Amino acid sequence: MTTAMDDAEQAARAAHDSKPVEILARLGLASRGLVFAVLGVLALTLAFGREARADHNGALRALADKPLGEPLLLVLAVGFAGYAAYLLLSAAVGHRSEDHRTAMRLKDGFKSVVYAALSFSTFAFLARGEGGDSTKSRTADLMSRTGGRTVVAVIGLVVLGIGVYLVVKGLRRKHAECLEQYMIPRALRRPAIAVGAVGYVGRGVTVGLIGAFLVQAAAKTDPQQAKGLDAALRSVLERPYGPVLLGLTAVGVLAYALWSFIEAAFREI
């Protein structure tokens, strides 16, 4: 029994450290970059007063409408799946020399679920050609159940906490630790880290907005207060100086897209 488990662990380590898995992981990071680049452009479109759907499905639709759009979406779906597989392997056998190995493995396990969901949603979009913002309907369904309001509040607080974590990570420039020192040119390192800092703050703001609206929905017992990314960004437009605030948020999202491409090229994997 022990031998079989050891053999399985060795096989997982070999897969984790293999070149094909590294290529898939980098493809996944590049896929993330492309989706966030489109999201940033859509958010800018909203900021300038034109109609657009600035969420994951809106980005997929914008890509699908381009020449060779569907093959590109297939590549994205495979990339997300590949990165999810890499993260799952990292959760199982990675971070062998990390000081906080258990925490890092749990983090990678959670992220693998997120990227698997992104892959699934992209494949589903390819199959049906459309997608909807189900945040309100899912929130309403949860709140109709016993204890559902508490669950929504907890989910909202967790999502809000993730948003704050991303902002702090960007401000403290902790994201720079993943770059391979010998791969990235010295002249590019400081600008790349600065782009990543802006990107993490921008992404943290968008995630935090969704969490805040979930908490608000639970507090007011009103599922209509829950908003997905598109509705959350539109709510920014309703605030004083809304177009300026949304434009700055869009710049942050575009910076995160560029950081994703930098990771795809220079991240330590």
C-alpha atoms as a PDB file:
ATOM      1  CA  MET A   1       0.000   0.000   0.000  1.00  0.00           C
ATOM      2  CA  THR A   2       2.780   2.397   0.967  1.00  0.00           C
ATOM      3  CA  THR A   3       4.695   1.545  -2.191  1.00  0.00           C
ATOM      4  CA  ALA A   4       1.658   2.289  -4.350  1.00  0.00           C
ATOM      5  CA  MET A   5       1.182   5.648  -2.630  1.00  0.00           C
ATOM      6  CA  ASP A   6       4.868   6.472  -3.047  1.00  0.00           C
ATOM      7  CA  ASP A   7       4.693   5.556  -6.723  1.00  0.00           C
ATOM      8  CA  ALA A   8       1.621   7.764  -7.172  1.00  0.00           C
ATOM      9  CA  GLU A   9       3.360  10.670  -5.445  1.00  0.00           C
ATOM     10  CA  GLN A  10       6.460  10.255  -7.586  1.00  0.00           C
ATOM     11  CA  ALA A  11       4.297  10.181 -10.717  1.00  0.00           C
ATOM     12  CA  ALA A  12       2.513  13.360  -9.596  1.00  0.00           C
ATOM     13  CA  ARG A  13       5.848  15.061  -8.919  1.00  0.00           C
ATOM     14  CA  ALA A  14       7.149  14.013 -12.326  1.00  0.00           C
ATOM     15  CA  ALA A  15       4.025  15.386 -14.002  1.00  0.00           C
ATOM     16  CA  HIS A  16       4.222  18.626 -11.973  1.00  0.00           C
ATOM     17  CA  ASP A  17       7.828  19.187 -13.055  1.00  0.00           C
ATOM     18  CA  SER A  18       7.321  18.119 -16.683  1.00  0.00           C
ATOM     19  CA  LYS A  19       7.665  20.414 -19.685  1.00  0.00           C
ATOM     20  CA  PRO A  20       4.149  19.714 -21.079  1.00  0.00           C
ATOM     21  CA  VAL A  21       2.529  20.748 -17.785  1.00  0.00           C
ATOM     22  CA  GLU A  22       4.700  23.872 -17.682  1.00  0.00           C
ATOM     23  CA  ILE A  23       3.573  24.782 -21.208  1.00  0.00           C
ATOM     24  CA  LEU A  24      -0.079  24.265 -20.250  1.00  0.00           C
ATOM     25  CA  ALA A  25       0.367  26.401 -17.138  1.00  0.00           C
ATOM     26  CA  ARG A  26       1.888  29.230 -19.151  1.00  0.00           C
ATOM     27  CA  LEU A  27      -0.904  28.911 -21.704  1.00  0.00           C
ATOM     28  CA  GLY A  28      -3.400  29.240 -18.857  1.00  0.00           C
ATOM     29  CA  LEU A  29      -1.738  32.430 -17.604  1.00  0.00           C
ATOM     30  CA  ALA A  30      -1.734  33.853 -21.134  1.00  0.00           C
ATOM     31  CA  SER A  31      -5.414  32.883 -21.472  1.00  0.00           C
ATOM     32  CA  ARG A  32      -6.173  34.781 -18.266  1.00  0.00           C
ATOM     33  CA  GLY A  33      -4.330  37.760 -19.671  1.00  0.00           C
ATOM     34  CA  LEU A  34      -6.361  37.781 -22.868  1.00  0.00           C
ATOM     35  CA  VAL A  35      -9.688  37.585 -21.018  1.00  0.00           C
ATOM     36  CA  PHE A  36      -8.719  40.422 -18.658  1.00  0.00           C
ATOM     37  CA  ALA A  37      -7.470  42.497 -21.584  1.00  0.00           C
ATOM     38  CA  VAL A  38     -10.887  42.223 -23.220  1.00  0.00           C
ATOM     39  CA  LEU A  39     -12.602  42.927 -19.880  1.00  0.00           C
ATOM     40  CA  GLY A  40     -10.500  46.060 -19.481  1.00  0.00           C
ATOM     41  CA  VAL A  41     -11.437  47.287 -22.953  1.00  0.00           C
ATOM     42  CA  LEU A  42     -15.127  46.595 -22.262  1.00  0.00           C
ATOM     43  CA  ALA A  43     -14.914  48.496 -18.957  1.00  0.00           C
ATOM     44  CA  LEU A  44     -13.318  51.443 -20.785  1.00  0.00           C
ATOM     45  CA  THR A  45     -16.133  51.270 -23.322  1.00  0.00           C
ATOM     46  CA  LEU A  46     -18.634  51.612 -20.479  1.00  0.00           C
ATOM     47  CA  ALA A  47     -16.648  54.478 -18.980  1.00  0.00           C
ATOM     48  CA  PHE A  48     -16.872  56.381 -22.280  1.00  0.00           C
ATOM     49  CA  GLY A  49     -20.648  56.006 -22.318  1.00  0.00           C
ATOM     50  CA  ARG A  50     -21.015  53.220 -24.863  1.00  0.00           C
ATOM     51  CA  GLU A  51     -22.924  50.003 -24.253  1.00  0.00           C
ATOM     52  CA  ALA A  52     -20.925  46.878 -23.433  1.00  0.00           C
ATOM     53  CA  ARG A  53     -21.133  43.837 -21.196  1.00  0.00           C
ATOM     54  CA  ALA A  54     -18.060  43.912 -18.985  1.00  0.00           C
ATOM     55  CA  ASP A  55     -17.914  40.432 -17.467  1.00  0.00           C
ATOM     56  CA  HIS A  56     -16.521  37.000 -18.296  1.00  0.00           C
ATOM     57  CA  ASN A  57     -19.320  36.112 -20.703  1.00  0.00           C
ATOM     58  CA  GLY A  58     -19.108  39.530 -22.319  1.00  0.00           C
ATOM     59  CA  ALA A  59     -15.393  38.994 -22.910  1.00  0.00           C
ATOM     60  CA  LEU A  60     -16.052  35.546 -24.387  1.00  0.00           C
ATOM     61  CA  ARG A  61     -18.738  36.968 -26.677  1.00  0.00           C
ATOM     62  CA  ALA A  62     -16.384  39.739 -27.841  1.00  0.00           C
ATOM     63  CA  LEU A  63     -13.728  37.138 -28.660  1.00  0.00           C
ATOM     64  CA  ALA A  64     -16.191  34.745 -30.291  1.00  0.00           C
ATOM     65  CA  ASP A  65     -17.343  37.486 -32.683  1.00  0.00           C
ATOM     66  CA  LYS A  66     -13.834  37.938 -34.039  1.00  0.00           C
ATOM     67  CA  PRO A  67     -12.365  35.902 -36.941  1.00  0.00           C
ATOM     68  CA  LEU A  68     -11.287  32.470 -35.665  1.00  0.00           C
ATOM     69  CA  GLY A  69     -13.059  33.355 -32.430  1.00  0.00           C
ATOM     70  CA  GLU A  70     -14.337  29.881 -31.599  1.00  0.00           C
ATOM     71  CA  PRO A  71     -10.951  28.160 -32.077  1.00  0.00           C
ATOM     72  CA  LEU A  72      -9.461  30.862 -29.864  1.00  0.00           C
ATOM     73  CA  LEU A  73     -12.065  30.158 -27.168  1.00  0.00           C
ATOM     74  CA  LEU A  74     -11.171  26.475 -27.367  1.00  0.00           C
ATOM     75  CA  VAL A  75      -7.516  27.364 -26.778  1.00  0.00           C
ATOM     76  CA  LEU A  76      -8.567  29.479 -23.783  1.00  0.00           C
ATOM     77  CA  ALA A  77     -10.619  26.634 -22.331  1.00  0.00           C
ATOM     78  CA  VAL A  78      -7.692  24.225 -22.715  1.00  0.00           C
ATOM     79  CA  GLY A  79      -5.346  26.800 -21.197  1.00  0.00           C
ATOM     80  CA  PHE A  80      -7.565  27.277 -18.140  1.00  0.00           C
ATOM     81  CA  ALA A  81      -7.859  23.508 -17.757  1.00  0.00           C
ATOM     82  CA  GLY A  82      -4.087  23.112 -18.057  1.00  0.00           C
ATOM     83  CA  TYR A  83      -3.413  25.752 -15.416  1.00  0.00           C
ATOM     84  CA  ALA A  84      -6.036  24.153 -13.156  1.00  0.00           C
ATOM     85  CA  ALA A  85      -4.225  20.818 -13.527  1.00  0.00           C
ATOM     86  CA  TYR A  86      -0.878  22.432 -12.708  1.00  0.00           C
ATOM     87  CA  LEU A  87      -2.339  24.088  -9.603  1.00  0.00           C
ATOM     88  CA  LEU A  88      -3.919  20.822  -8.506  1.00  0.00           C
ATOM     89  CA  LEU A  89      -0.554  19.074  -8.826  1.00  0.00           C
ATOM     90  CA  SER A  90       1.062  21.941  -6.887  1.00  0.00           C
ATOM     91  CA  ALA A  91      -1.543  21.504  -4.159  1.00  0.00           C
ATOM     92  CA  ALA A  92      -0.740  17.802  -3.981  1.00  0.00           C
ATOM     93  CA  VAL A  93       3.047  17.705  -4.247  1.00  0.00           C
ATOM     94  CA  GLY A  94       4.335  21.252  -4.756  1.00  0.00           C
ATOM     95  CA  HIS A  95       5.930  23.839  -2.455  1.00  0.00           C
ATOM     96  CA  ARG A  96       8.299  21.288  -0.978  1.00  0.00           C
ATOM     97  CA  SER A  97      10.632  23.922   0.480  1.00  0.00           C
ATOM     98  CA  GLU A  98       8.111  26.663   1.342  1.00  0.00           C
ATOM     99  CA  ASP A  99       7.931  27.953   4.916  1.00  0.00           C
ATOM    100  CA  HIS A 100       4.121  27.930   4.777  1.00  0.00           C
ATOM    101  CA  ARG A 101       3.737  24.814   2.671  1.00  0.00           C
ATOM    102  CA  THR A 102       0.280  23.793   3.911  1.00  0.00           C
ATOM    103  CA  ALA A 103      -1.170  27.264   3.368  1.00  0.00           C
ATOM    104  CA  MET A 104       0.357  27.489  -0.099  1.00  0.00           C
ATOM    105  CA  ARG A 105      -1.015  24.084  -1.067  1.00  0.00           C
ATOM    106  CA  LEU A 106      -4.490  25.005   0.171  1.00  0.00           C
ATOM    107  CA  LYS A 107      -4.294  28.250  -1.812  1.00  0.00           C
ATOM    108  CA  ASP A 108      -3.328  26.380  -4.971  1.00  0.00           C
ATOM    109  CA  GLY A 109      -6.120  23.867  -4.380  1.00  0.00           C
ATOM    110  CA  PHE A 110      -8.665  26.690  -4.172  1.00  0.00           C
ATOM    111  CA  LYS A 111      -7.253  28.383  -7.281  1.00  0.00           C
ATOM    112  CA  SER A 112      -7.375  25.093  -9.198  1.00  0.00           C
ATOM    113  CA  VAL A 113     -11.135  24.953  -8.575  1.00  0.00           C
ATOM    114  CA  VAL A 114     -11.498  28.533  -9.847  1.00  0.00           C
ATOM    115  CA  TYR A 115      -9.609  27.837 -13.066  1.00  0.00           C
ATOM    116  CA  ALA A 116     -11.429  24.552 -13.590  1.00  0.00           C
ATOM    117  CA  ALA A 117     -14.674  26.536 -13.335  1.00  0.00           C
ATOM    118  CA  LEU A 118     -13.343  29.056 -15.873  1.00  0.00           C
ATOM    119  CA  SER A 119     -12.484  26.212 -18.226  1.00  0.00           C
ATOM    120  CA  PHE A 120     -15.922  24.643 -17.778  1.00  0.00           C
ATOM    121  CA  SER A 121     -17.719  27.951 -18.341  1.00  0.00           C
ATOM    122  CA  THR A 122     -15.685  28.589 -21.497  1.00  0.00           C
ATOM    123  CA  PHE A 123     -16.480  25.131 -22.866  1.00  0.00           C
ATOM    124  CA  ALA A 124     -20.146  25.704 -21.937  1.00  0.00           C
ATOM    125  CA  PHE A 125     -20.120  29.047 -23.740  1.00  0.00           C
ATOM    126  CA  LEU A 126     -18.735  27.326 -26.837  1.00  0.00           C
ATOM    127  CA  ALA A 127     -21.505  24.742 -26.643  1.00  0.00           C
ATOM    128  CA  ARG A 128     -24.436  27.142 -26.257  1.00  0.00           C
ATOM    129  CA  GLY A 129     -23.028  30.408 -27.589  1.00  0.00           C
ATOM    130  CA  GLU A 130     -24.251  32.554 -24.717  1.00  0.00           C
ATOM    131  CA  GLY A 131     -24.163  32.988 -20.979  1.00  0.00           C
ATOM    132  CA  GLY A 132     -26.091  34.875 -18.361  1.00  0.00           C
ATOM    133  CA  ASP A 133     -25.304  36.710 -15.163  1.00  0.00           C
ATOM    134  CA  SER A 134     -26.774  34.291 -12.625  1.00  0.00           C
ATOM    135  CA  THR A 135     -25.510  36.124  -9.521  1.00  0.00           C
ATOM    136  CA  LYS A 136     -28.953  37.418  -8.567  1.00  0.00           C
ATOM    137  CA  SER A 137     -30.760  34.118  -9.222  1.00  0.00           C
ATOM    138  CA  ARG A 138     -28.211  32.102  -7.266  1.00  0.00           C
ATOM    139  CA  THR A 139     -28.307  34.596  -4.413  1.00  0.00           C
ATOM    140  CA  ALA A 140     -32.117  34.492  -4.374  1.00  0.00           C
ATOM    141  CA  ASP A 141     -32.050  30.699  -4.319  1.00  0.00           C
ATOM    142  CA  LEU A 142     -29.591  30.654  -1.420  1.00  0.00           C
ATOM    143  CA  MET A 143     -31.512  33.256   0.573  1.00  0.00           C
ATOM    144  CA  SER A 144     -34.742  31.300   0.184  1.00  0.00           C
ATOM    145  CA  ARG A 145     -33.213  28.388   2.108  1.00  0.00           C
ATOM    146  CA  THR A 146     -32.856  28.043   5.855  1.00  0.00           C
ATOM    147  CA  GLY A 147     -29.782  29.957   6.939  1.00  0.00           C
ATOM    148  CA  GLY A 148     -29.263  31.135   3.376  1.00  0.00           C
ATOM    149  CA  ARG A 149     -28.967  34.779   4.324  1.00  0.00           C
ATOM    150  CA  THR A 150     -26.074  33.932   6.632  1.00  0.00           C
ATOM    151  CA  VAL A 151     -24.411  31.866   3.913  1.00  0.00           C
ATOM    152  CA  VAL A 152     -24.671  34.760   1.437  1.00  0.00           C
ATOM    153  CA  ALA A 153     -23.218  37.137   4.041  1.00  0.00           C
ATOM    154  CA  VAL A 154     -20.298  34.781   4.712  1.00  0.00           C
ATOM    155  CA  ILE A 155     -19.631  34.311   0.983  1.00  0.00           C
ATOM    156  CA  GLY A 156     -19.763  38.072   0.513  1.00  0.00           C
ATOM    157  CA  LEU A 157     -17.317  38.656   3.357  1.00  0.00           C
ATOM    158  CA  VAL A 158     -14.944  36.011   1.959  1.00  0.00           C
ATOM    159  CA  VAL A 159     -15.079  37.548  -1.526  1.00  0.00           C
ATOM    160  CA  LEU A 160     -14.605  41.019  -0.045  1.00  0.00           C
ATOM    161  CA  GLY A 161     -11.657  39.690   1.951  1.00  0.00           C
ATOM    162  CA  ILE A 162     -10.096  38.254  -1.200  1.00  0.00           C
ATOM    163  CA  GLY A 163     -10.468  41.646  -2.853  1.00  0.00           C
ATOM    164  CA  VAL A 164      -8.732  43.370   0.067  1.00  0.00           C
ATOM    165  CA  TYR A 165      -6.000  40.693   0.025  1.00  0.00           C
ATOM    166  CA  LEU A 166      -5.361  41.320  -3.688  1.00  0.00           C
ATOM    167  CA  VAL A 167      -5.127  45.088  -3.141  1.00  0.00           C
ATOM    168  CA  VAL A 168      -2.701  44.638  -0.238  1.00  0.00           C
ATOM    169  CA  LYS A 169      -0.666  42.118  -2.239  1.00  0.00           C
ATOM    170  CA  GLY A 170      -0.324  44.642  -5.028  1.00  0.00           C
ATOM    171  CA  LEU A 171       0.599  47.509  -2.723  1.00  0.00           C
ATOM    172  CA  ARG A 172       3.187  45.367  -0.900  1.00  0.00           C
ATOM    173  CA  ARG A 173       4.429  44.019  -4.254  1.00  0.00           C
ATOM    174  CA  LYS A 174       4.363  40.442  -3.010  1.00  0.00           C
ATOM    175  CA  HIS A 175       3.492  39.311  -6.533  1.00  0.00           C
ATOM    176  CA  ALA A 176       7.098  39.881  -7.585  1.00  0.00           C
ATOM    177  CA  GLU A 177       8.214  36.765  -5.700  1.00  0.00           C
ATOM    178  CA  CYS A 178       6.923  34.485  -8.467  1.00  0.00           C
ATOM    179  CA  LEU A 179       9.211  35.900 -11.165  1.00  0.00           C
ATOM    180  CA  GLU A 180      12.240  33.831 -12.137  1.00  0.00           C
ATOM    181  CA  GLN A 181      15.254  36.058 -11.529  1.00  0.00           C
ATOM    182  CA  TYR A 182      17.317  34.548 -14.316  1.00  0.00           C
ATOM    183  CA  MET A 183      14.542  34.671 -16.932  1.00  0.00           C
ATOM    184  CA  ILE A 184      13.304  38.254 -16.812  1.00  0.00           C
ATOM    185  CA  PRO A 185      15.719  40.913 -18.140  1.00  0.00           C
ATOM    186  CA  ARG A 186      16.977  43.227 -15.417  1.00  0.00           C
ATOM    187  CA  ALA A 187      15.728  46.309 -17.286  1.00  0.00           C
ATOM    188  CA  LEU A 188      12.180  44.914 -17.349  1.00  0.00           C
ATOM    189  CA  ARG A 189      11.940  43.754 -13.758  1.00  0.00           C
ATOM    190  CA  ARG A 190      11.001  47.041 -12.054  1.00  0.00           C
ATOM    191  CA  PRO A 191       8.469  48.115 -14.719  1.00  0.00           C
ATOM    192  CA  ALA A 192       6.955  44.617 -14.659  1.00  0.00           C
ATOM    193  CA  ILE A 193       6.562  44.712 -10.877  1.00  0.00           C
ATOM    194  CA  ALA A 194       4.948  48.171 -11.105  1.00  0.00           C
ATOM    195  CA  VAL A 195       2.476  46.906 -13.721  1.00  0.00           C
ATOM    196  CA  GLY A 196       1.665  43.960 -11.482  1.00  0.00           C
ATOM    197  CA  ALA A 197       1.065  46.248  -8.490  1.00  0.00           C
ATOM    198  CA  VAL A 198      -1.450  48.345 -10.442  1.00  0.00           C
ATOM    199  CA  GLY A 199      -3.010  45.176 -11.812  1.00  0.00           C
ATOM    200  CA  TYR A 200      -3.521  43.522  -8.447  1.00  0.00           C
ATOM    201  CA  VAL A 201      -5.078  46.681  -7.040  1.00  0.00           C
ATOM    202  CA  GLY A 202      -7.429  46.876 -10.033  1.00  0.00           C
ATOM    203  CA  ARG A 203      -8.407  43.240  -9.772  1.00  0.00           C
ATOM    204  CA  GLY A 204      -8.859  43.543  -6.019  1.00  0.00           C
ATOM    205  CA  VAL A 205     -11.246  46.454  -6.490  1.00  0.00           C
ATOM    206  CA  THR A 206     -13.433  44.497  -8.923  1.00  0.00           C
ATOM    207  CA  VAL A 207     -13.520  41.422  -6.666  1.00  0.00           C
ATOM    208  CA  GLY A 208     -14.177  43.577  -3.608  1.00  0.00           C
ATOM    209  CA  LEU A 209     -17.125  45.270  -5.312  1.00  0.00           C
ATOM    210  CA  ILE A 210     -18.823  41.923  -5.918  1.00  0.00           C
ATOM    211  CA  GLY A 211     -18.245  40.884  -2.293  1.00  0.00           C
ATOM    212  CA  ALA A 212     -19.570  44.192  -0.980  1.00  0.00           C
ATOM    213  CA  PHE A 213     -22.786  43.852  -2.987  1.00  0.00           C
ATOM    214  CA  LEU A 214     -23.286  40.300  -1.697  1.00  0.00           C
ATOM    215  CA  VAL A 215     -22.929  41.533   1.880  1.00  0.00           C
ATOM    216  CA  GLN A 216     -25.373  44.329   1.109  1.00  0.00           C
ATOM    217  CA  ALA A 217     -27.860  41.824  -0.340  1.00  0.00           C
ATOM    218  CA  ALA A 218     -27.687  39.731   2.838  1.00  0.00           C
ATOM    219  CA  ALA A 219     -27.966  42.770   5.105  1.00  0.00           C
ATOM    220  CA  LYS A 220     -31.060  44.054   3.303  1.00  0.00           C
ATOM    221  CA  THR A 221     -32.487  40.576   2.603  1.00  0.00           C
ATOM    222  CA  ASP A 222     -32.718  41.658  -1.021  1.00  0.00           C
ATOM    223  CA  PRO A 223     -31.198  39.391  -3.689  1.00  0.00           C
ATOM    224  CA  GLN A 224     -31.521  42.274  -6.181  1.00  0.00           C
ATOM    225  CA  GLN A 225     -28.619  43.951  -4.367  1.00  0.00           C
ATOM    226  CA  ALA A 226     -26.293  41.125  -5.459  1.00  0.00           C
ATOM    227  CA  LYS A 227     -24.347  41.982  -8.584  1.00  0.00           C
ATOM    228  CA  GLY A 228     -22.000  40.214 -10.935  1.00  0.00           C
ATOM    229  CA  LEU A 229     -18.974  41.981 -12.394  1.00  0.00           C
ATOM    230  CA  ASP A 230     -20.871  43.778 -15.169  1.00  0.00           C
ATOM    231  CA  ALA A 231     -23.546  45.146 -12.826  1.00  0.00           C
ATOM    232  CA  ALA A 232     -20.929  46.044 -10.208  1.00  0.00           C
ATOM    233  CA  LEU A 233     -18.964  48.081 -12.743  1.00  0.00           C
ATOM    234  CA  ARG A 234     -22.143  49.781 -13.937  1.00  0.00           C
ATOM    235  CA  SER A 235     -22.879  50.750 -10.333  1.00  0.00           C
ATOM    236  CA  VAL A 236     -19.562  52.621 -10.278  1.00  0.00           C
ATOM    237  CA  LEU A 237     -20.896  54.823 -13.083  1.00  0.00           C
ATOM    238  CA  GLU A 238     -23.743  55.921 -10.807  1.00  0.00           C
ATOM    239  CA  ARG A 239     -21.324  57.394  -8.253  1.00  0.00           C
ATOM    240  CA  PRO A 240     -19.938  60.939  -8.369  1.00  0.00           C
ATOM    241  CA  TYR A 241     -17.166  61.048 -10.983  1.00  0.00           C
ATOM    242  CA  GLY A 242     -18.320  57.574 -12.022  1.00  0.00           C
ATOM    243  CA  PRO A 243     -16.755  57.553 -15.520  1.00  0.00           C
ATOM    244  CA  VAL A 244     -13.397  58.604 -14.077  1.00  0.00           C
ATOM    245  CA  LEU A 245     -13.542  55.945 -11.341  1.00  0.00           C
ATOM    246  CA  LEU A 246     -14.573  53.271 -13.851  1.00  0.00           C
ATOM    247  CA  GLY A 247     -11.833  54.388 -16.221  1.00  0.00           C
ATOM    248  CA  LEU A 248      -9.234  54.019 -13.461  1.00  0.00           C
ATOM    249  CA  THR A 249     -10.632  50.588 -12.607  1.00  0.00           C
ATOM    250  CA  ALA A 250     -10.403  49.608 -16.279  1.00  0.00           C
ATOM    251  CA  VAL A 251      -6.760  50.690 -16.353  1.00  0.00           C
ATOM    252  CA  GLY A 252      -6.139  48.438 -13.355  1.00  0.00           C
ATOM    253  CA  VAL A 253      -7.822  45.522 -15.116  1.00  0.00           C
ATOM    254  CA  LEU A 254      -5.710  46.118 -18.227  1.00  0.00           C
ATOM    255  CA  ALA A 255      -2.589  46.232 -16.052  1.00  0.00           C
ATOM    256  CA  TYR A 256      -3.561  42.880 -14.567  1.00  0.00           C
ATOM    257  CA  ALA A 257      -3.927  41.520 -18.099  1.00  0.00           C
ATOM    258  CA  LEU A 258      -0.403  42.694 -18.923  1.00  0.00           C
ATOM    259  CA  TRP A 259       0.883  41.218 -15.660  1.00  0.00           C
ATOM    260  CA  SER A 260      -0.701  37.884 -16.636  1.00  0.00           C
ATOM    261  CA  PHE A 261       1.265  37.915 -19.893  1.00  0.00           C
ATOM    262  CA  ILE A 262       4.431  38.762 -17.944  1.00  0.00           C
ATOM    263  CA  GLU A 263       3.736  35.788 -15.648  1.00  0.00           C
ATOM    264  CA  ALA A 264       3.153  33.557 -18.648  1.00  0.00           C
ATOM    265  CA  ALA A 265       6.613  34.449 -19.919  1.00  0.00           C
ATOM    266  CA  PHE A 266       8.679  34.748 -16.752  1.00  0.00           C
ATOM    267  CA  ARG A 267       6.902  33.038 -13.857  1.00  0.00           C
ATOM    268  CA  GLU A 268       8.776  30.352 -11.938  1.00  0.00           C
ATOM    269  CA  ILE A 269       6.926  27.115 -12.699  1.00  0.00           C
END
